[in-house]
Amino acid sequence: MAKLVLVRHGQSQWNLENRFTGWVDVDLSPLGEEEAKKAGGKLKGITFQQAFTSDLKRAQRTLQLILKEIGQTSLPIEKDKALNERHYGDLQGLNKAETAKKFGDAQVHIWRRSYDVAPPNGESLKDTAARTLPYFNAKILPLVKAGKNILVAAHGNSLRSIVMDLEKLTKEQVLELNLGTGVPLVYEISAAGEIVKKEEL
């Protein structure tokens, strides 16, 4: 039985400033660094065989801090933009409260929380899943099924699409799913790819 650990990056500077971040390469805030170290503390005792992260430094930095904390800094790491956050298009960089004033609360809620409605020039959760899941199913899941413990440090929406697929959530259920920054989700997965146990640390 192998472990798959999914961790959303620690708080970023733009999370702190309540901005839409998407693919903008913003670093962790001081609190985000602490969250990443805390996540590492919770994962001590698990020996990982490989780690995956996105093309964005807030996820990469989170991974580095976790690996340092658990003493596994020589772990092979694969970085890929398939694991990047959802692209927020024209909303990237905008403060969320200002965006609600400009476009209306209802419209912004639809962009943020619907499954298949994308913001202008951006991606919906469905679009994010369309690039994240083929990568996950080709590169990550086979390693877990083969008995390897794998750590993935990525983003709220790329990880939501993975959780949706793993747990076979409906479109409605995934809209209620919120992943906290720096909170490890630990799955025990059988060789057949079935979830045997799930724990939030």
C-alpha atoms as a PDB file:
ATOM      1  CA  MET A   1       0.000   0.000   0.000  1.00  0.00           C
ATOM      2  CA  ALA A   2       1.489   3.336  -1.034  1.00  0.00           C
ATOM      3  CA  LYS A   3       0.873   6.881   0.115  1.00  0.00           C
ATOM      4  CA  LEU A   4      -0.046   9.777  -2.154  1.00  0.00           C
ATOM      5  CA  VAL A   5       0.308  13.110  -0.359  1.00  0.00           C
ATOM      6  CA  LEU A   6      -1.214  16.245  -1.911  1.00  0.00           C
ATOM      7  CA  VAL A   7      -0.270  19.632  -0.443  1.00  0.00           C
ATOM      8  CA  ARG A   8      -1.550  23.002  -1.583  1.00  0.00           C
ATOM      9  CA  HIS A   9       1.255  25.573  -1.380  1.00  0.00           C
ATOM     10  CA  GLY A  10       1.520  27.766   1.705  1.00  0.00           C
ATOM     11  CA  GLN A  11      -0.073  31.209   1.689  1.00  0.00           C
ATOM     12  CA  SER A  12       1.336  33.338  -1.146  1.00  0.00           C
ATOM     13  CA  GLN A  13       1.877  37.084  -1.081  1.00  0.00           C
ATOM     14  CA  TRP A  14      -1.191  37.526  -3.295  1.00  0.00           C
ATOM     15  CA  ASN A  15      -3.326  35.197  -1.162  1.00  0.00           C
ATOM     16  CA  LEU A  16      -2.461  37.617   1.629  1.00  0.00           C
ATOM     17  CA  GLU A  17      -3.448  40.597  -0.546  1.00  0.00           C
ATOM     18  CA  ASN A  18      -6.677  38.832  -1.657  1.00  0.00           C
ATOM     19  CA  ARG A  19      -5.728  38.917  -5.347  1.00  0.00           C
ATOM     20  CA  PHE A  20      -6.434  36.450  -8.151  1.00  0.00           C
ATOM     21  CA  THR A  21      -3.049  34.832  -8.765  1.00  0.00           C
ATOM     22  CA  GLY A  22      -3.414  32.088 -11.381  1.00  0.00           C
ATOM     23  CA  TRP A  23      -0.202  31.712 -13.380  1.00  0.00           C
ATOM     24  CA  VAL A  24       1.461  34.867 -12.018  1.00  0.00           C
ATOM     25  CA  ASP A  25       4.664  33.676 -10.342  1.00  0.00           C
ATOM     26  CA  VAL A  26       4.190  35.049  -6.842  1.00  0.00           C
ATOM     27  CA  ASP A  27       6.284  33.784  -3.911  1.00  0.00           C
ATOM     28  CA  LEU A  28       5.176  32.633  -0.462  1.00  0.00           C
ATOM     29  CA  SER A  29       4.376  35.101   2.310  1.00  0.00           C
ATOM     30  CA  PRO A  30       6.211  34.673   5.655  1.00  0.00           C
ATOM     31  CA  LEU A  31       3.083  32.859   6.948  1.00  0.00           C
ATOM     32  CA  GLY A  32       3.180  30.624   3.837  1.00  0.00           C
ATOM     33  CA  GLU A  33       6.765  29.622   4.658  1.00  0.00           C
ATOM     34  CA  GLU A  34       5.662  28.705   8.186  1.00  0.00           C
ATOM     35  CA  GLU A  35       2.708  26.695   6.820  1.00  0.00           C
ATOM     36  CA  ALA A  36       5.064  24.754   4.525  1.00  0.00           C
ATOM     37  CA  LYS A  37       7.451  23.969   7.394  1.00  0.00           C
ATOM     38  CA  LYS A  38       4.503  22.874   9.558  1.00  0.00           C
ATOM     39  CA  ALA A  39       3.313  20.577   6.739  1.00  0.00           C
ATOM     40  CA  GLY A  40       6.805  19.051   6.682  1.00  0.00           C
ATOM     41  CA  GLY A  41       6.619  18.484  10.432  1.00  0.00           C
ATOM     42  CA  LYS A  42       3.359  16.567   9.979  1.00  0.00           C
ATOM     43  CA  LEU A  43       4.870  14.379   7.231  1.00  0.00           C
ATOM     44  CA  LYS A  44       7.905  13.207   9.199  1.00  0.00           C
ATOM     45  CA  GLY A  45       7.988   9.447   9.222  1.00  0.00           C
ATOM     46  CA  ILE A  46       6.891   9.013   5.584  1.00  0.00           C
ATOM     47  CA  THR A  47       9.736   8.132   3.220  1.00  0.00           C
ATOM     48  CA  PHE A  48       8.958   9.425  -0.272  1.00  0.00           C
ATOM     49  CA  GLN A  49      10.384   8.009  -3.495  1.00  0.00           C
ATOM     50  CA  GLN A  50       9.573  10.999  -5.719  1.00  0.00           C
ATOM     51  CA  ALA A  51       7.984  14.462  -5.649  1.00  0.00           C
ATOM     52  CA  PHE A  52       6.058  16.478  -8.229  1.00  0.00           C
ATOM     53  CA  THR A  53       5.345  20.191  -8.358  1.00  0.00           C
ATOM     54  CA  SER A  54       4.143  22.896 -10.723  1.00  0.00           C
ATOM     55  CA  ASP A  55       6.066  25.420 -12.782  1.00  0.00           C
ATOM     56  CA  LEU A  56       5.344  28.155 -10.204  1.00  0.00           C
ATOM     57  CA  LYS A  57       7.672  29.124  -7.374  1.00  0.00           C
ATOM     58  CA  ARG A  58       5.087  29.218  -4.582  1.00  0.00           C
ATOM     59  CA  ALA A  59       4.529  25.460  -5.040  1.00  0.00           C
ATOM     60  CA  GLN A  60       8.239  24.751  -5.605  1.00  0.00           C
ATOM     61  CA  ARG A  61       9.229  26.708  -2.489  1.00  0.00           C
ATOM     62  CA  THR A  62       6.594  24.853  -0.440  1.00  0.00           C
ATOM     63  CA  LEU A  63       8.039  21.553  -1.645  1.00  0.00           C
ATOM     64  CA  GLN A  64      11.618  22.630  -0.806  1.00  0.00           C
ATOM     65  CA  LEU A  65      10.627  23.633   2.731  1.00  0.00           C
ATOM     66  CA  ILE A  66       8.729  20.355   3.294  1.00  0.00           C
ATOM     67  CA  LEU A  67      11.645  18.247   2.026  1.00  0.00           C
ATOM     68  CA  LYS A  68      14.116  20.163   4.186  1.00  0.00           C
ATOM     69  CA  GLU A  69      11.884  19.637   7.220  1.00  0.00           C
ATOM     70  CA  ILE A  70      11.627  15.868   6.636  1.00  0.00           C
ATOM     71  CA  GLY A  71      15.294  15.504   5.668  1.00  0.00           C
ATOM     72  CA  GLN A  72      14.686  14.235   2.115  1.00  0.00           C
ATOM     73  CA  THR A  73      16.267  17.046   0.056  1.00  0.00           C
ATOM     74  CA  SER A  74      17.861  14.656  -2.481  1.00  0.00           C
ATOM     75  CA  LEU A  75      14.476  13.325  -3.630  1.00  0.00           C
ATOM     76  CA  PRO A  76      13.910  13.287  -7.428  1.00  0.00           C
ATOM     77  CA  ILE A  77      11.544  16.157  -8.319  1.00  0.00           C
ATOM     78  CA  GLU A  78       9.570  16.630 -11.528  1.00  0.00           C
ATOM     79  CA  LYS A  79       8.197  20.104 -12.307  1.00  0.00           C
ATOM     80  CA  ASP A  80       5.447  20.576 -14.879  1.00  0.00           C
ATOM     81  CA  LYS A  81       3.025  23.339 -15.814  1.00  0.00           C
ATOM     82  CA  ALA A  82       0.287  20.667 -16.058  1.00  0.00           C
ATOM     83  CA  LEU A  83       0.109  21.049 -12.255  1.00  0.00           C
ATOM     84  CA  ASN A  84      -0.116  24.863 -12.399  1.00  0.00           C
ATOM     85  CA  GLU A  85      -2.973  26.741 -10.782  1.00  0.00           C
ATOM     86  CA  ARG A  86      -6.063  27.480 -12.827  1.00  0.00           C
ATOM     87  CA  HIS A  87      -5.387  30.407 -15.192  1.00  0.00           C
ATOM     88  CA  TYR A  88      -7.605  33.297 -14.118  1.00  0.00           C
ATOM     89  CA  GLY A  89      -7.225  35.223 -17.387  1.00  0.00           C
ATOM     90  CA  ASP A  90      -8.222  38.898 -17.168  1.00  0.00           C
ATOM     91  CA  LEU A  91      -8.778  38.597 -13.405  1.00  0.00           C
ATOM     92  CA  GLN A  92      -5.107  37.825 -12.624  1.00  0.00           C
ATOM     93  CA  GLY A  93      -3.610  40.459 -10.343  1.00  0.00           C
ATOM     94  CA  LEU A  94      -6.976  42.000  -9.459  1.00  0.00           C
ATOM     95  CA  ASN A  95      -8.105  42.287  -5.857  1.00  0.00           C
ATOM     96  CA  LYS A  96     -11.088  39.987  -5.305  1.00  0.00           C
ATOM     97  CA  ALA A  97     -13.189  42.635  -3.547  1.00  0.00           C
ATOM     98  CA  GLU A  98     -12.515  45.192  -6.332  1.00  0.00           C
ATOM     99  CA  THR A  99     -13.370  42.552  -8.941  1.00  0.00           C
ATOM    100  CA  ALA A 100     -16.717  41.933  -7.232  1.00  0.00           C
ATOM    101  CA  LYS A 101     -17.453  45.682  -7.347  1.00  0.00           C
ATOM    102  CA  LYS A 102     -16.521  45.859 -11.021  1.00  0.00           C
ATOM    103  CA  PHE A 103     -18.325  42.751 -12.333  1.00  0.00           C
ATOM    104  CA  GLY A 104     -20.848  42.104  -9.526  1.00  0.00           C
ATOM    105  CA  ASP A 105     -20.717  39.537  -6.729  1.00  0.00           C
ATOM    106  CA  ALA A 106     -22.892  37.039  -8.584  1.00  0.00           C
ATOM    107  CA  GLN A 107     -20.715  37.014 -11.714  1.00  0.00           C
ATOM    108  CA  VAL A 108     -17.464  36.673  -9.758  1.00  0.00           C
ATOM    109  CA  HIS A 109     -18.984  33.853  -7.696  1.00  0.00           C
ATOM    110  CA  ILE A 110     -19.860  32.032 -10.944  1.00  0.00           C
ATOM    111  CA  TRP A 111     -16.304  32.442 -12.261  1.00  0.00           C
ATOM    112  CA  ARG A 112     -14.778  31.258  -9.004  1.00  0.00           C
ATOM    113  CA  ARG A 113     -17.160  28.483  -8.101  1.00  0.00           C
ATOM    114  CA  SER A 114     -18.772  27.027 -11.206  1.00  0.00           C
ATOM    115  CA  TYR A 115     -17.287  23.919 -12.779  1.00  0.00           C
ATOM    116  CA  ASP A 116     -17.271  24.880 -16.435  1.00  0.00           C
ATOM    117  CA  VAL A 117     -17.592  28.685 -16.685  1.00  0.00           C
ATOM    118  CA  ALA A 118     -14.242  30.381 -17.291  1.00  0.00           C
ATOM    119  CA  PRO A 119     -13.378  34.012 -16.495  1.00  0.00           C
ATOM    120  CA  PRO A 120     -12.557  36.139 -19.573  1.00  0.00           C
ATOM    121  CA  ASN A 121      -9.449  34.680 -21.288  1.00  0.00           C
ATOM    122  CA  GLY A 122      -8.974  32.181 -18.438  1.00  0.00           C
ATOM    123  CA  GLU A 123      -9.701  28.577 -17.472  1.00  0.00           C
ATOM    124  CA  SER A 124     -12.648  26.938 -15.750  1.00  0.00           C
ATOM    125  CA  LEU A 125     -12.069  24.101 -13.279  1.00  0.00           C
ATOM    126  CA  LYS A 126     -13.072  21.754 -16.116  1.00  0.00           C
ATOM    127  CA  ASP A 127     -10.286  23.256 -18.297  1.00  0.00           C
ATOM    128  CA  THR A 128      -7.786  22.901 -15.445  1.00  0.00           C
ATOM    129  CA  ALA A 129      -8.750  19.231 -15.004  1.00  0.00           C
ATOM    130  CA  ALA A 130      -8.308  18.680 -18.762  1.00  0.00           C
ATOM    131  CA  ARG A 131      -4.574  19.421 -18.460  1.00  0.00           C
ATOM    132  CA  THR A 132      -3.922  18.226 -14.896  1.00  0.00           C
ATOM    133  CA  LEU A 133      -5.579  14.789 -15.019  1.00  0.00           C
ATOM    134  CA  PRO A 134      -3.859  13.337 -18.108  1.00  0.00           C
ATOM    135  CA  TYR A 135      -0.514  14.243 -16.502  1.00  0.00           C
ATOM    136  CA  PHE A 136      -1.551  12.831 -13.115  1.00  0.00           C
ATOM    137  CA  ASN A 137      -2.834   9.587 -14.668  1.00  0.00           C
ATOM    138  CA  ALA A 138       0.241   9.154 -16.893  1.00  0.00           C
ATOM    139  CA  LYS A 139       3.026  10.197 -14.517  1.00  0.00           C
ATOM    140  CA  ILE A 140       1.950  10.113 -10.872  1.00  0.00           C
ATOM    141  CA  LEU A 141      -0.748   7.477 -10.339  1.00  0.00           C
ATOM    142  CA  PRO A 142       1.256   4.617 -11.941  1.00  0.00           C
ATOM    143  CA  LEU A 143       4.082   5.218  -9.417  1.00  0.00           C
ATOM    144  CA  VAL A 144       1.624   5.101  -6.504  1.00  0.00           C
ATOM    145  CA  LYS A 145       0.031   1.904  -7.860  1.00  0.00           C
ATOM    146  CA  ALA A 146       3.540   0.436  -8.097  1.00  0.00           C
ATOM    147  CA  GLY A 147       3.932   0.960  -4.330  1.00  0.00           C
ATOM    148  CA  LYS A 148       5.902   4.213  -4.252  1.00  0.00           C
ATOM    149  CA  ASN A 149       5.143   7.025  -1.783  1.00  0.00           C
ATOM    150  CA  ILE A 150       4.658  10.218  -3.796  1.00  0.00           C
ATOM    151  CA  LEU A 151       4.461  13.864  -2.673  1.00  0.00           C
ATOM    152  CA  VAL A 152       2.711  16.483  -4.827  1.00  0.00           C
ATOM    153  CA  ALA A 153       2.976  20.196  -3.970  1.00  0.00           C
ATOM    154  CA  ALA A 154       0.688  22.202  -6.214  1.00  0.00           C
ATOM    155  CA  HIS A 155      -2.326  24.547  -6.147  1.00  0.00           C
ATOM    156  CA  GLY A 156      -5.917  24.766  -4.957  1.00  0.00           C
ATOM    157  CA  ASN A 157      -7.545  24.089  -8.317  1.00  0.00           C
ATOM    158  CA  SER A 158      -5.069  21.648  -9.881  1.00  0.00           C
ATOM    159  CA  LEU A 159      -5.316  19.583  -6.684  1.00  0.00           C
ATOM    160  CA  ARG A 160      -9.117  19.922  -6.558  1.00  0.00           C
ATOM    161  CA  SER A 161      -9.312  18.359 -10.021  1.00  0.00           C
ATOM    162  CA  ILE A 162      -7.098  15.449  -8.837  1.00  0.00           C
ATOM    163  CA  VAL A 163      -9.187  14.954  -5.670  1.00  0.00           C
ATOM    164  CA  MET A 164     -12.373  15.070  -7.760  1.00  0.00           C
ATOM    165  CA  ASP A 165     -11.054  12.267  -9.960  1.00  0.00           C
ATOM    166  CA  LEU A 166      -9.620  10.156  -7.117  1.00  0.00           C
ATOM    167  CA  GLU A 167     -12.716  10.414  -4.934  1.00  0.00           C
ATOM    168  CA  LYS A 168     -15.153  10.301  -7.885  1.00  0.00           C
ATOM    169  CA  LEU A 169     -16.831  13.537  -6.780  1.00  0.00           C
ATOM    170  CA  THR A 170     -19.667  15.063  -8.791  1.00  0.00           C
ATOM    171  CA  LYS A 171     -19.422  18.556 -10.288  1.00  0.00           C
ATOM    172  CA  GLU A 172     -21.617  19.774  -7.431  1.00  0.00           C
ATOM    173  CA  GLN A 173     -19.495  18.106  -4.740  1.00  0.00           C
ATOM    174  CA  VAL A 174     -16.211  19.498  -6.052  1.00  0.00           C
ATOM    175  CA  LEU A 175     -17.571  23.039  -5.854  1.00  0.00           C
ATOM    176  CA  GLU A 176     -17.863  22.582  -2.071  1.00  0.00           C
ATOM    177  CA  LEU A 177     -14.287  21.270  -1.802  1.00  0.00           C
ATOM    178  CA  ASN A 178     -11.826  23.722  -0.252  1.00  0.00           C
ATOM    179  CA  LEU A 179      -8.186  22.829   0.263  1.00  0.00           C
ATOM    180  CA  GLY A 180      -6.377  24.826   2.949  1.00  0.00           C
ATOM    181  CA  THR A 181      -2.920  26.274   2.294  1.00  0.00           C
ATOM    182  CA  GLY A 182      -0.158  24.017   3.584  1.00  0.00           C
ATOM    183  CA  VAL A 183      -2.541  21.247   4.703  1.00  0.00           C
ATOM    184  CA  PRO A 184      -1.378  17.739   3.663  1.00  0.00           C
ATOM    185  CA  LEU A 185      -4.002  15.312   2.332  1.00  0.00           C
ATOM    186  CA  VAL A 186      -2.706  11.757   2.755  1.00  0.00           C
ATOM    187  CA  TYR A 187      -4.223   8.945   0.699  1.00  0.00           C
ATOM    188  CA  GLU A 188      -3.366   5.279   1.046  1.00  0.00           C
ATOM    189  CA  ILE A 189      -3.878   3.736  -2.372  1.00  0.00           C
ATOM    190  CA  SER A 190      -3.966   0.091  -3.414  1.00  0.00           C
ATOM    191  CA  ALA A 191      -2.206  -1.429  -6.417  1.00  0.00           C
ATOM    192  CA  ALA A 192      -5.566  -1.239  -8.205  1.00  0.00           C
ATOM    193  CA  GLY A 193      -5.667   2.520  -7.661  1.00  0.00           C
ATOM    194  CA  GLU A 194      -8.436   2.409  -5.036  1.00  0.00           C
ATOM    195  CA  ILE A 195      -8.405   4.694  -1.978  1.00  0.00           C
ATOM    196  CA  VAL A 196      -8.071   2.572   1.144  1.00  0.00           C
ATOM    197  CA  LYS A 197      -7.730   5.469   3.590  1.00  0.00           C
ATOM    198  CA  LYS A 198      -7.764   9.265   3.520  1.00  0.00           C
ATOM    199  CA  GLU A 199      -6.495  11.598   6.201  1.00  0.00           C
ATOM    200  CA  GLU A 200      -6.093  15.368   6.439  1.00  0.00           C
ATOM    201  CA  LEU A 201      -3.120  16.300   8.621  1.00  0.00           C
END
